Protein backbone atom coordinates (compact mmCIF):
# COMPACT_ATOMS: atom_id res chain seq x y z
CA MET A 1 -4.78 9.29 40.30
CA ALA A 2 -6.63 6.83 42.55
CA ASN A 3 -6.34 4.09 39.91
CA GLN A 4 -2.61 4.81 39.59
CA GLN A 5 -2.16 4.38 43.35
CA VAL A 6 -4.08 1.09 43.26
CA ASN A 7 -1.95 -0.17 40.36
CA GLN A 8 1.23 0.77 42.21
CA LYS A 9 0.02 -1.12 45.26
CA GLU A 10 -0.83 -4.19 43.21
CA SER A 11 2.51 -4.10 41.38
CA SER A 12 4.36 -4.28 44.73
CA SER A 13 2.31 -7.24 45.97
CA LYS A 14 4.20 -10.52 45.99
CA VAL A 15 0.95 -12.47 46.18
CA LEU A 16 -0.69 -10.81 43.18
CA GLY A 17 2.49 -11.15 41.17
CA GLN A 18 2.79 -14.85 41.96
CA LEU A 19 -0.87 -15.67 41.24
CA ARG A 20 -1.06 -13.67 38.01
CA GLY A 21 -1.87 -16.05 35.15
CA LYS A 22 -2.09 -19.12 37.41
CA ARG A 23 -4.86 -21.72 37.09
CA VAL A 24 -6.33 -23.01 40.33
CA LEU A 25 -8.82 -25.81 41.00
CA ILE A 26 -11.07 -25.38 44.06
CA THR A 27 -13.26 -28.06 45.59
CA GLY A 28 -16.00 -27.35 48.12
CA THR A 29 -17.32 -24.06 46.72
CA THR A 30 -20.87 -25.07 47.60
CA GLY A 31 -19.74 -24.61 51.22
CA PHE A 32 -19.22 -21.53 53.40
CA LEU A 33 -15.42 -21.20 53.31
CA GLY A 34 -15.18 -22.25 49.66
CA LYS A 35 -17.44 -19.39 48.58
CA VAL A 36 -15.39 -16.82 50.50
CA VAL A 37 -12.13 -18.12 49.00
CA LEU A 38 -13.65 -17.94 45.51
CA GLU A 39 -14.95 -14.39 46.06
CA LYS A 40 -11.59 -13.25 47.44
CA LEU A 41 -9.68 -14.63 44.45
CA ILE A 42 -12.04 -13.05 41.93
CA ARG A 43 -12.04 -9.64 43.65
CA SER A 44 -8.41 -9.44 44.77
CA VAL A 45 -6.61 -11.38 42.01
CA PRO A 46 -8.33 -10.22 38.81
CA ASP A 47 -5.32 -11.29 36.72
CA ILE A 48 -5.56 -14.93 37.79
CA GLY A 49 -5.36 -17.21 34.76
CA GLY A 50 -8.43 -19.28 35.56
CA ILE A 51 -10.44 -20.73 38.42
CA TYR A 52 -11.64 -24.31 37.99
CA LEU A 53 -14.47 -25.51 40.21
CA LEU A 54 -15.18 -29.20 40.83
CA ILE A 55 -18.92 -29.39 41.51
CA ARG A 56 -21.12 -32.43 41.95
CA GLY A 57 -24.38 -32.30 40.02
CA ASN A 58 -27.68 -32.80 41.83
CA LYS A 59 -31.25 -33.63 40.84
CA ARG A 60 -32.18 -30.06 40.04
CA HIS A 61 -28.88 -29.15 38.35
CA PRO A 62 -27.14 -32.27 37.02
CA ASP A 63 -24.19 -30.44 35.47
CA ALA A 64 -21.64 -28.26 37.26
CA ARG A 65 -22.24 -25.04 35.31
CA SER A 66 -25.96 -25.11 35.91
CA ARG A 67 -25.50 -25.71 39.61
CA PHE A 68 -22.87 -22.98 39.84
CA ASP A 69 -25.05 -20.43 38.06
CA ASN A 70 -28.11 -21.21 40.17
CA GLU A 71 -26.74 -22.10 43.60
CA ILE A 72 -23.32 -20.48 43.94
CA ALA A 73 -23.13 -17.42 41.69
CA THR A 74 -26.45 -16.21 43.13
CA SER A 75 -25.04 -16.12 46.69
CA SER A 76 -25.00 -12.82 48.57
CA VAL A 77 -21.25 -13.35 49.03
CA PHE A 78 -20.86 -11.81 45.55
CA ASP A 79 -23.05 -8.75 46.19
CA ARG A 80 -20.00 -6.53 46.63
CA LEU A 81 -18.55 -7.59 43.28
CA ARG A 82 -21.87 -7.04 41.55
CA SER A 83 -22.36 -3.61 43.13
CA VAL A 84 -18.91 -2.40 42.02
CA ASP A 85 -19.06 -3.64 38.40
CA ALA A 86 -21.72 -6.19 37.53
CA ASP A 87 -20.70 -6.41 33.86
CA TRP A 88 -17.04 -7.12 34.72
CA PHE A 89 -18.09 -9.75 37.25
CA GLU A 90 -20.37 -11.55 34.80
CA THR A 91 -17.65 -11.48 32.13
CA PHE A 92 -15.13 -12.91 34.58
CA LEU A 93 -17.49 -15.76 35.44
CA GLU A 94 -18.02 -16.55 31.77
CA GLU A 95 -14.39 -16.35 30.69
CA ARG A 96 -12.29 -17.46 33.66
CA VAL A 97 -14.47 -19.65 35.88
CA HIS A 98 -14.50 -23.20 34.51
CA CYS A 99 -17.03 -25.56 36.06
CA ILE A 100 -16.22 -29.27 36.05
CA THR A 101 -18.90 -31.84 36.76
CA GLY A 102 -17.34 -34.39 39.08
CA GLU A 103 -17.13 -35.93 42.52
CA VAL A 104 -13.99 -35.64 44.66
CA THR A 105 -14.67 -39.05 46.25
CA GLU A 106 -14.60 -40.91 42.91
CA PRO A 107 -11.45 -42.08 41.06
CA CYS A 108 -10.47 -39.48 38.43
CA PHE A 109 -13.26 -37.36 39.98
CA GLY A 110 -15.63 -39.55 37.97
CA MET A 111 -14.69 -37.73 34.76
CA GLY A 112 -12.71 -40.37 32.87
CA GLU A 113 -8.96 -40.91 32.49
CA ASP A 114 -8.39 -38.65 29.48
CA ALA A 115 -10.30 -35.68 30.89
CA TRP A 116 -8.57 -36.24 34.24
CA GLN A 117 -5.09 -36.10 32.71
CA LYS A 118 -6.01 -33.06 30.64
CA LEU A 119 -7.25 -31.24 33.75
CA ALA A 120 -4.08 -32.06 35.69
CA GLY A 121 -1.94 -30.68 32.90
CA GLU A 122 -3.84 -27.38 32.84
CA LEU A 123 -3.53 -26.64 36.56
CA ASP A 124 -0.93 -24.91 38.70
CA ALA A 125 -2.60 -25.58 42.05
CA VAL A 126 -5.54 -27.23 43.81
CA ILE A 127 -7.31 -25.99 46.94
CA ASN A 128 -9.27 -28.82 48.57
CA SER A 129 -11.88 -27.41 50.93
CA ALA A 130 -14.44 -30.18 50.39
CA ALA A 131 -15.29 -31.97 53.64
CA SER A 132 -18.00 -33.41 55.82
CA VAL A 133 -18.10 -31.13 58.86
CA ASN A 134 -20.74 -33.18 60.67
CA PHE A 135 -19.19 -33.98 64.06
CA ARG A 136 -21.32 -37.11 64.37
CA GLU A 137 -21.21 -38.35 60.80
CA GLU A 138 -21.51 -42.06 60.05
CA LEU A 139 -17.96 -43.42 60.04
CA ASP A 140 -18.06 -44.75 56.48
CA LYS A 141 -19.18 -41.39 55.08
CA ALA A 142 -16.69 -39.35 57.13
CA LEU A 143 -13.86 -41.71 56.17
CA THR A 144 -14.73 -41.46 52.48
CA ILE A 145 -15.08 -37.65 52.35
CA ASN A 146 -12.41 -36.54 54.82
CA THR A 147 -9.76 -39.21 54.32
CA LEU A 148 -9.97 -41.64 51.42
CA CYS A 149 -10.90 -39.11 48.73
CA LEU A 150 -7.58 -37.36 49.32
CA GLU A 151 -5.99 -40.22 47.40
CA ASN A 152 -7.75 -38.72 44.36
CA ILE A 153 -6.24 -35.30 45.12
CA ALA A 154 -2.82 -36.94 45.41
CA GLY A 155 -3.49 -38.81 42.16
CA LEU A 156 -4.11 -35.52 40.37
CA ALA A 157 -0.76 -34.26 41.67
CA ARG A 158 0.98 -37.39 40.38
CA GLN A 159 -0.17 -36.44 36.90
CA ASN A 160 1.55 -33.06 37.24
CA ALA A 161 4.79 -32.88 39.23
CA GLU A 162 4.54 -29.07 39.46
CA LEU A 163 1.05 -29.04 41.00
CA ALA A 164 0.81 -27.31 44.39
CA VAL A 165 -1.73 -28.93 46.72
CA LEU A 166 -3.40 -26.98 49.54
CA GLN A 167 -5.50 -29.00 51.97
CA VAL A 168 -7.96 -27.25 54.28
CA SER A 169 -7.92 -29.16 57.57
CA THR A 170 -8.82 -28.01 61.11
CA CYS A 171 -6.93 -27.02 64.26
CA TYR A 172 -9.00 -29.64 66.06
CA VAL A 173 -6.99 -32.49 64.56
CA ASN A 174 -5.23 -31.81 67.87
CA GLY A 175 -7.86 -34.05 69.43
CA MET A 176 -7.57 -34.60 73.17
CA ASN A 177 -4.00 -33.32 73.50
CA SER A 178 -3.61 -30.50 76.02
CA GLY A 179 -1.32 -27.48 76.22
CA PRO A 180 0.09 -25.38 73.36
CA VAL A 181 -0.68 -26.69 69.85
CA THR A 182 1.89 -25.72 67.25
CA GLU A 183 1.88 -25.88 63.46
CA SER A 184 3.28 -29.38 63.29
CA VAL A 185 2.25 -33.01 62.77
CA ILE A 186 -0.11 -33.92 65.62
CA LYS A 187 0.58 -36.97 67.79
CA PRO A 188 -2.52 -39.05 68.66
CA ALA A 189 -3.58 -38.69 72.29
CA GLY A 190 -4.96 -42.26 72.45
CA GLU A 191 -3.82 -45.66 71.25
CA SER A 192 -0.47 -45.76 69.51
CA ILE A 193 -0.20 -45.48 65.71
CA PRO A 194 3.16 -46.18 64.00
CA ARG A 195 5.10 -43.13 62.82
CA SER A 196 7.40 -42.95 59.81
CA SER A 197 10.85 -41.40 59.75
CA GLU A 198 9.38 -38.61 57.58
CA GLY A 199 7.19 -37.45 60.47
CA TYR A 200 3.73 -38.53 59.34
CA TYR A 201 1.83 -41.50 60.80
CA GLU A 202 1.33 -44.76 58.93
CA ILE A 203 -2.45 -45.18 58.76
CA GLU A 204 -2.98 -47.93 56.16
CA GLU A 205 -3.54 -50.73 58.69
CA LEU A 206 -5.76 -48.51 60.83
CA VAL A 207 -7.92 -47.53 57.84
CA GLN A 208 -8.26 -51.19 56.85
CA LEU A 209 -9.27 -52.04 60.42
CA LEU A 210 -11.91 -49.30 60.39
CA GLN A 211 -13.26 -50.53 57.05
CA ASP A 212 -13.48 -54.08 58.42
CA LYS A 213 -15.47 -52.83 61.41
CA ILE A 214 -17.75 -50.83 59.09
CA ALA A 215 -18.36 -53.96 56.99
CA ASP A 216 -19.19 -55.94 60.12
CA VAL A 217 -21.77 -53.36 61.23
CA ARG A 218 -23.26 -53.25 57.73
CA ALA A 219 -23.65 -57.03 57.75
CA ARG A 220 -25.64 -56.98 60.99
CA TYR A 221 -27.88 -53.92 60.73
CA SER A 222 -29.95 -51.93 58.23
CA GLY A 223 -32.00 -48.76 57.92
CA LYS A 224 -31.96 -46.17 60.71
CA THR A 225 -30.39 -48.67 63.09
CA LEU A 226 -27.45 -49.06 60.71
CA GLU A 227 -26.98 -45.27 60.54
CA LYS A 228 -26.96 -45.00 64.34
CA LYS A 229 -24.54 -47.91 64.72
CA LEU A 230 -22.14 -46.33 62.21
CA VAL A 231 -22.29 -43.03 64.10
CA ASP A 232 -21.62 -44.84 67.38
CA LEU A 233 -18.75 -46.76 65.78
CA GLY A 234 -17.19 -43.52 64.56
CA ILE A 235 -17.35 -41.88 67.98
CA ARG A 236 -16.02 -44.99 69.71
CA GLU A 237 -13.05 -45.36 67.35
CA ALA A 238 -12.31 -41.62 67.46
CA ASN A 239 -12.26 -41.74 71.27
CA ARG A 240 -10.04 -44.84 71.20
CA TYR A 241 -7.30 -43.03 69.28
CA GLY A 242 -7.63 -39.66 71.01
CA TRP A 243 -10.32 -37.57 69.29
CA SER A 244 -13.69 -36.36 70.53
CA ASP A 245 -15.63 -36.91 67.30
CA THR A 246 -15.56 -38.55 63.89
CA TYR A 247 -14.95 -35.30 62.00
CA THR A 248 -11.65 -34.39 63.65
CA PHE A 249 -10.46 -38.02 63.64
CA THR A 250 -10.99 -38.48 59.89
CA LYS A 251 -9.49 -35.04 59.12
CA TRP A 252 -6.33 -36.09 61.00
CA LEU A 253 -6.24 -39.33 59.02
CA GLY A 254 -6.56 -37.27 55.84
CA GLU A 255 -3.54 -35.18 56.78
CA GLN A 256 -1.43 -38.33 57.22
CA LEU A 257 -2.59 -39.79 53.89
CA LEU A 258 -1.62 -36.63 51.98
CA MET A 259 1.71 -36.20 53.76
CA LYS A 260 2.74 -39.71 52.75
CA ALA A 261 1.32 -39.59 49.22
CA LEU A 262 2.92 -36.20 48.47
CA ASN A 263 6.15 -36.64 50.38
CA GLY A 264 8.78 -34.44 48.71
CA ARG A 265 6.14 -32.49 46.75
CA SER A 266 4.37 -29.19 47.34
CA LEU A 267 1.80 -29.69 50.11
CA THR A 268 0.38 -27.00 52.34
CA ILE A 269 -2.05 -27.83 55.14
CA VAL A 270 -4.10 -24.90 56.47
CA ARG A 271 -5.84 -25.52 59.79
CA PRO A 272 -8.53 -23.03 60.82
CA SER A 273 -10.07 -23.06 64.28
CA ILE A 274 -13.84 -22.37 64.65
CA ILE A 275 -14.73 -20.44 61.50
CA GLU A 276 -17.38 -17.78 61.95
CA SER A 277 -18.71 -14.71 60.12
CA ALA A 278 -16.51 -12.29 58.21
CA LEU A 279 -14.69 -9.54 60.07
CA GLU A 280 -14.53 -7.23 57.03
CA GLU A 281 -14.73 -9.00 53.67
CA PRO A 282 -16.70 -9.27 51.51
CA VAL A 283 -18.85 -7.41 54.09
CA PRO A 284 -18.71 -7.48 57.89
CA GLY A 285 -20.80 -10.32 59.30
CA TRP A 286 -21.27 -12.31 56.09
CA ILE A 287 -22.04 -15.92 56.95
CA GLU A 288 -23.88 -18.85 55.46
CA GLY A 289 -25.80 -21.21 57.70
CA VAL A 290 -25.43 -21.87 61.43
CA LYS A 291 -21.90 -22.78 62.50
CA VAL A 292 -20.41 -24.37 65.63
CA ALA A 293 -20.83 -21.53 68.12
CA ASP A 294 -24.06 -20.36 66.47
CA ALA A 295 -26.00 -23.49 67.39
CA ILE A 296 -25.48 -22.63 71.05
CA ILE A 297 -26.21 -18.92 70.47
CA LEU A 298 -29.43 -19.82 68.70
CA ALA A 299 -30.51 -22.19 71.46
CA TYR A 300 -29.92 -19.46 74.04
CA ALA A 301 -31.74 -16.86 71.94
CA ARG A 302 -34.78 -19.14 71.70
CA GLU A 303 -34.55 -19.83 75.47
CA LYS A 304 -33.96 -23.54 75.03
CA VAL A 305 -30.64 -23.58 76.91
CA THR A 306 -29.67 -21.96 80.21
CA LEU A 307 -27.01 -24.39 81.46
CA PHE A 308 -24.10 -25.70 79.40
CA PRO A 309 -20.91 -27.67 80.15
CA GLY A 310 -17.91 -25.43 79.75
CA LYS A 311 -14.94 -23.72 81.38
CA ARG A 312 -15.44 -19.96 81.60
CA SER A 313 -11.69 -19.38 81.69
CA GLY A 314 -11.06 -21.63 78.69
CA VAL A 315 -10.09 -20.02 75.38
CA ILE A 316 -12.76 -20.61 72.74
CA ASP A 317 -10.85 -20.20 69.50
CA VAL A 318 -12.98 -18.36 66.94
CA ILE A 319 -11.62 -16.98 63.67
CA PRO A 320 -13.49 -14.89 61.07
CA VAL A 321 -13.85 -16.56 57.68
CA ASP A 322 -12.11 -13.78 55.73
CA LEU A 323 -8.91 -14.24 57.75
CA VAL A 324 -9.00 -17.94 56.86
CA ALA A 325 -9.50 -17.16 53.16
CA ASN A 326 -6.56 -14.74 53.31
CA ALA A 327 -4.37 -17.42 54.93
CA ILE A 328 -5.25 -19.80 52.09
CA VAL A 329 -4.37 -17.25 49.41
CA LEU A 330 -1.11 -16.25 51.14
CA SER A 331 0.06 -19.83 51.59
CA LEU A 332 -0.97 -20.76 48.04
CA SER A 333 1.21 -17.96 46.70
CA GLU A 334 4.16 -19.18 48.77
CA ALA A 335 3.71 -22.78 47.59
CA LEU A 336 3.81 -21.64 43.95
CA ALA A 337 6.86 -19.44 44.51
CA GLU A 338 8.81 -22.04 46.51
CA PRO A 339 7.61 -25.52 45.46
CA GLY A 340 8.59 -28.94 46.75
CA ARG A 341 8.01 -28.44 50.47
CA ARG A 342 5.50 -29.47 53.12
CA ARG A 343 4.08 -26.65 55.22
CA ILE A 344 1.48 -26.48 58.01
CA TYR A 345 -0.25 -23.24 59.02
CA GLN A 346 -2.88 -22.64 61.68
CA CYS A 347 -5.35 -19.79 61.33
CA CYS A 348 -6.57 -19.06 64.86
CA SER A 349 -6.91 -16.44 67.57
CA GLY A 350 -6.15 -18.26 70.82
CA SER A 351 -2.45 -17.46 71.23
CA SER A 352 -2.45 -13.86 69.97
CA ASN A 353 -5.89 -12.47 70.88
CA PRO A 354 -7.71 -14.93 73.13
CA VAL A 355 -11.38 -14.68 74.04
CA SER A 356 -12.56 -16.87 76.90
CA LEU A 357 -15.82 -18.77 76.96
CA GLY A 358 -16.92 -16.54 79.83
CA GLN A 359 -16.27 -13.38 77.82
CA PHE A 360 -18.03 -14.92 74.81
CA ILE A 361 -21.13 -15.63 76.91
CA ASP A 362 -21.05 -12.23 78.63
CA HIS A 363 -20.89 -10.35 75.31
CA LEU A 364 -23.79 -12.40 73.97
CA MET A 365 -25.95 -11.82 77.06
CA ALA A 366 -25.14 -8.09 77.22
CA GLU A 367 -26.11 -7.55 73.60
CA SER A 368 -29.27 -9.61 73.92
CA LYS A 369 -30.39 -7.55 76.92
CA ALA A 370 -29.54 -4.18 75.39
CA ASN A 371 -30.49 -4.63 71.74
CA TYR A 372 -32.43 -7.87 71.23
CA ALA A 373 -35.03 -6.09 69.07
CA ALA A 374 -32.36 -5.24 66.48
CA TYR A 375 -31.97 -8.95 65.74
CA ASP A 376 -35.54 -9.84 64.83
CA HIS A 377 -34.70 -13.18 63.16
CA LEU A 378 -32.52 -14.28 66.08
CA PHE A 379 -34.38 -13.12 69.20
CA TYR A 380 -38.15 -13.53 69.23
CA ARG A 381 -38.24 -11.64 72.53
CA GLN A 382 -35.79 -10.48 75.17
CA PRO A 383 -34.24 -13.56 76.83
CA SER A 384 -35.29 -13.74 80.46
CA LYS A 385 -33.02 -16.58 81.52
CA PRO A 386 -29.25 -16.55 82.13
CA PHE A 387 -26.72 -18.63 80.21
CA ILE A 388 -24.45 -20.39 82.70
CA ALA A 389 -21.35 -22.47 81.98
CA VAL A 390 -20.55 -25.13 84.58
CA ASN A 391 -18.09 -28.00 84.74
CA ARG A 392 -19.14 -31.25 83.06
CA THR A 393 -19.63 -33.25 86.26
CA LEU A 394 -22.01 -30.68 87.73
CA PHE A 395 -23.83 -30.36 84.39
CA ASP A 396 -24.40 -34.11 84.18
CA LEU A 397 -25.62 -34.25 87.78
CA VAL A 398 -28.09 -31.39 87.28
CA VAL A 399 -29.40 -32.68 83.97
CA SER A 400 -29.85 -36.26 85.17
CA GLY A 401 -31.48 -35.03 88.38
CA VAL A 402 -33.96 -32.80 86.54
CA ARG A 403 -34.69 -35.12 83.64
CA LEU A 404 -36.06 -38.06 85.61
CA PRO A 405 -39.02 -36.24 87.26
CA LEU A 406 -39.74 -34.36 84.01
CA SER A 407 -39.80 -37.63 82.08
CA VAL A 408 -42.20 -39.17 84.61
CA THR A 409 -44.46 -36.09 84.43
CA ASP A 410 -44.46 -36.21 80.65
CA LYS A 411 -45.52 -39.87 80.65
CA VAL A 412 -48.31 -39.21 83.14
CA LEU A 413 -49.64 -36.31 81.05
CA LYS A 414 -49.64 -38.49 77.94
CA LEU A 415 -51.61 -41.18 79.79
CA LEU A 416 -54.13 -38.47 80.69
CA GLY A 417 -54.56 -37.62 77.03
CA ASN A 418 -52.07 -34.76 76.56
CA SER A 419 -50.26 -35.66 73.32
CA ARG A 420 -47.91 -32.64 73.33
CA ASP A 421 -44.37 -33.06 74.61
CA LEU A 422 -43.49 -31.25 77.83
CA LYS A 423 -41.67 -28.04 76.85
CA MET A 424 -39.14 -28.21 79.70
CA LEU A 425 -38.30 -31.79 78.74
CA LYS A 426 -37.82 -30.82 75.09
CA ASN A 427 -35.50 -27.98 76.11
CA LEU A 428 -33.53 -30.32 78.35
CA ASP A 429 -33.14 -32.78 75.48
CA THR A 430 -31.92 -29.92 73.26
CA THR A 431 -29.36 -28.98 75.91
CA GLN A 432 -28.14 -32.57 76.20
CA SER A 433 -27.87 -32.93 72.43
CA LEU A 434 -25.85 -29.72 72.05
CA ALA A 435 -23.65 -30.69 74.99
CA THR A 436 -22.94 -34.09 73.44
CA ILE A 437 -21.87 -32.52 70.14
CA PHE A 438 -20.12 -29.34 71.26
CA GLY A 439 -19.21 -29.91 74.92
CA PHE A 440 -15.59 -30.76 74.06
CA TYR A 441 -15.11 -27.37 72.37
CA THR A 442 -16.43 -25.32 75.30
CA ALA A 443 -14.07 -26.78 77.91
CA PRO A 444 -10.69 -26.45 76.20
CA ASP A 445 -7.34 -27.15 77.83
CA TYR A 446 -5.27 -26.35 74.76
CA VAL A 447 -4.22 -23.15 72.98
CA PHE A 448 -3.61 -23.00 69.23
CA HIS A 449 -0.52 -21.13 68.03
CA ASN A 450 0.12 -19.68 64.56
CA ASP A 451 3.63 -18.27 64.72
CA GLU A 452 4.46 -19.76 61.31
CA LEU A 453 1.46 -18.10 59.64
CA GLN A 454 2.38 -14.75 61.20
CA ALA A 455 5.94 -15.19 59.95
CA LEU A 456 4.63 -15.92 56.43
CA SER A 457 2.54 -12.74 56.52
CA ALA A 458 5.59 -10.74 57.64
CA ARG A 459 7.73 -12.20 54.82
CA MET A 460 5.15 -11.17 52.23
CA GLY A 461 5.51 -7.52 53.26
CA GLU A 462 3.29 -4.59 54.24
CA VAL A 463 1.31 -4.44 50.99
CA ASP A 464 0.18 -8.04 51.27
CA LYS A 465 -0.47 -7.61 54.99
CA GLY A 466 -3.02 -5.01 53.96
CA LEU A 467 -4.47 -6.98 51.05
CA PHE A 468 -4.55 -10.35 52.82
CA PRO A 469 -4.64 -9.78 56.62
CA VAL A 470 -4.45 -12.88 58.81
CA ASP A 471 -3.60 -11.39 62.22
CA ALA A 472 -6.33 -12.03 64.79
CA ARG A 473 -5.04 -9.15 66.92
CA GLN A 474 -7.06 -6.78 64.74
CA ILE A 475 -10.29 -8.27 66.19
CA ASP A 476 -12.07 -6.26 68.89
CA TRP A 477 -14.06 -9.13 70.39
CA GLU A 478 -16.74 -6.96 71.95
CA VAL A 479 -17.43 -5.21 68.64
CA TYR A 480 -17.12 -8.39 66.58
CA LEU A 481 -19.36 -10.58 68.74
CA ARG A 482 -21.95 -7.96 69.67
CA LYS A 483 -22.24 -5.90 66.50
CA ILE A 484 -20.75 -7.81 63.58
CA HIS A 485 -21.41 -11.48 64.24
CA LEU A 486 -24.92 -11.26 65.70
CA ALA A 487 -25.93 -8.85 62.93
CA GLY A 488 -24.51 -11.24 60.34
CA LEU A 489 -26.37 -14.19 61.83
CA ASN A 490 -29.58 -12.20 61.82
CA ARG A 491 -29.19 -10.94 58.25
CA TYR A 492 -27.56 -13.82 56.37
CA ALA A 493 -28.02 -17.08 58.28
CA LEU A 494 -31.55 -16.90 59.62
CA LYS A 495 -34.76 -16.71 57.64
CA GLU A 496 -37.49 -14.22 58.34
CA ARG A 497 -39.82 -15.47 61.03
CA LYS A 498 -43.35 -16.29 59.94
CA VAL A 499 -45.71 -14.92 62.57
CA TYR A 500 -49.27 -16.16 62.60
CA SER A 501 -51.99 -14.60 64.73
CA LEU A 502 -55.66 -15.38 65.17
CA ARG A 503 -56.58 -11.88 64.06
CA ALA A 504 -54.49 -12.10 60.89
CA THR A 505 -56.04 -15.50 60.07
CA LYS A 506 -59.55 -14.08 60.43
CA GLN A 507 -58.64 -11.12 58.20
CA ARG A 508 -57.30 -13.46 55.49
CA LYS A 509 -60.47 -15.56 55.63
CA LYS A 510 -62.65 -12.44 55.46
CA ALA A 511 -60.69 -11.15 52.46
CA ALA A 512 -61.04 -14.53 50.73
């Protein structure tokens, strides 16, 4: 009876009906979001025709299948699937997951013209979630991965006129614009860039200018100096045109490239805000690695940061990864059902269920005081210091005022033979580094809106709302931040702490 009810539910799902038998290529499955999208498709769309994964080989696993089997399929993200029916899961991986050795940044993915054309002909859709998410990436690398490689995605679509392309971007292509941010083409907040009558911005001359500047830097520097100069160039050029960092600048450029290359074809751009641990699926709190907000949480937990630039009243837009994966699946289904259009969706929480930076900090501090011992990989002891957000001007004044005497003290101690760095100075440097990278995101004067995504969810109907929820209003921020996210960080993202004591060392020596 239960199986009959499940089958009835699936038969009334527009999404499952549209994706049945379809063949989808996914890039970026070595990353956090890519794994969750893959897991969701396998578990929720068992009748999908095939999932193709473009994976770059590495030294340990030079071919895609080997790397998938050893680095992706072994992930805890698939524990739920294995616990329900391990044999079915393994059979699905063998029969319907096709691993392709290739590189998204190379022409024809580096796989040769014939294989490239054959792949294009087999596919119904491509989800591109490959990206460099380093906010301070060297400009040449960020430009290659986040912008120029999208010409290869567009090239694949040119081989197959029916191919639906879904590009994972970011809400932060908004850059330094303020106010409400809608699901539309974003206007640069800095220097002017020409705009076409089709709505996108013409970036060819700008990209060529950036490449010329990169070549000039390469001609004058080498080694670590070259890397630093390319990072500085990226930040400087991003700021010039209205972005805070190289990542968001090159992601915006990528959007423009795809909109022009696929004008009149099926193109969906999905923009998540700050992606964090799962709300519900595959399990509450599942996460991989330390994300944007987590770097600050971790620094507070280890008592390295007490002061941070930010606006307590500002909305810090966090979205659980499973809601993002659901948005991708929903919009992919729509693109296949109604091809030939350009769509932009934002997956965010700021307009419908906002959490302020002040509330975020307060929840973190309350949980750390009440239950720090439950998070043994995150908190080594109960934090004794507060976490205070202040405006940027005051932060800079305090940091510069404190750093000078600490720096002098550190130099004097070193002259006296103390080779260890001053702990307070190290913590201050950590604070400055985090503030440089993330300060823009903790003092927001914009709010992301996702009315179009909510309308898409409503059009799909109640069954698909249940199967693929995207509404951030279901998030109870106190429960999510205090019980789900911190527990997920502790369990999945952080390794067990190695504790060494003098007594334990003596016991090991005695035993030896």
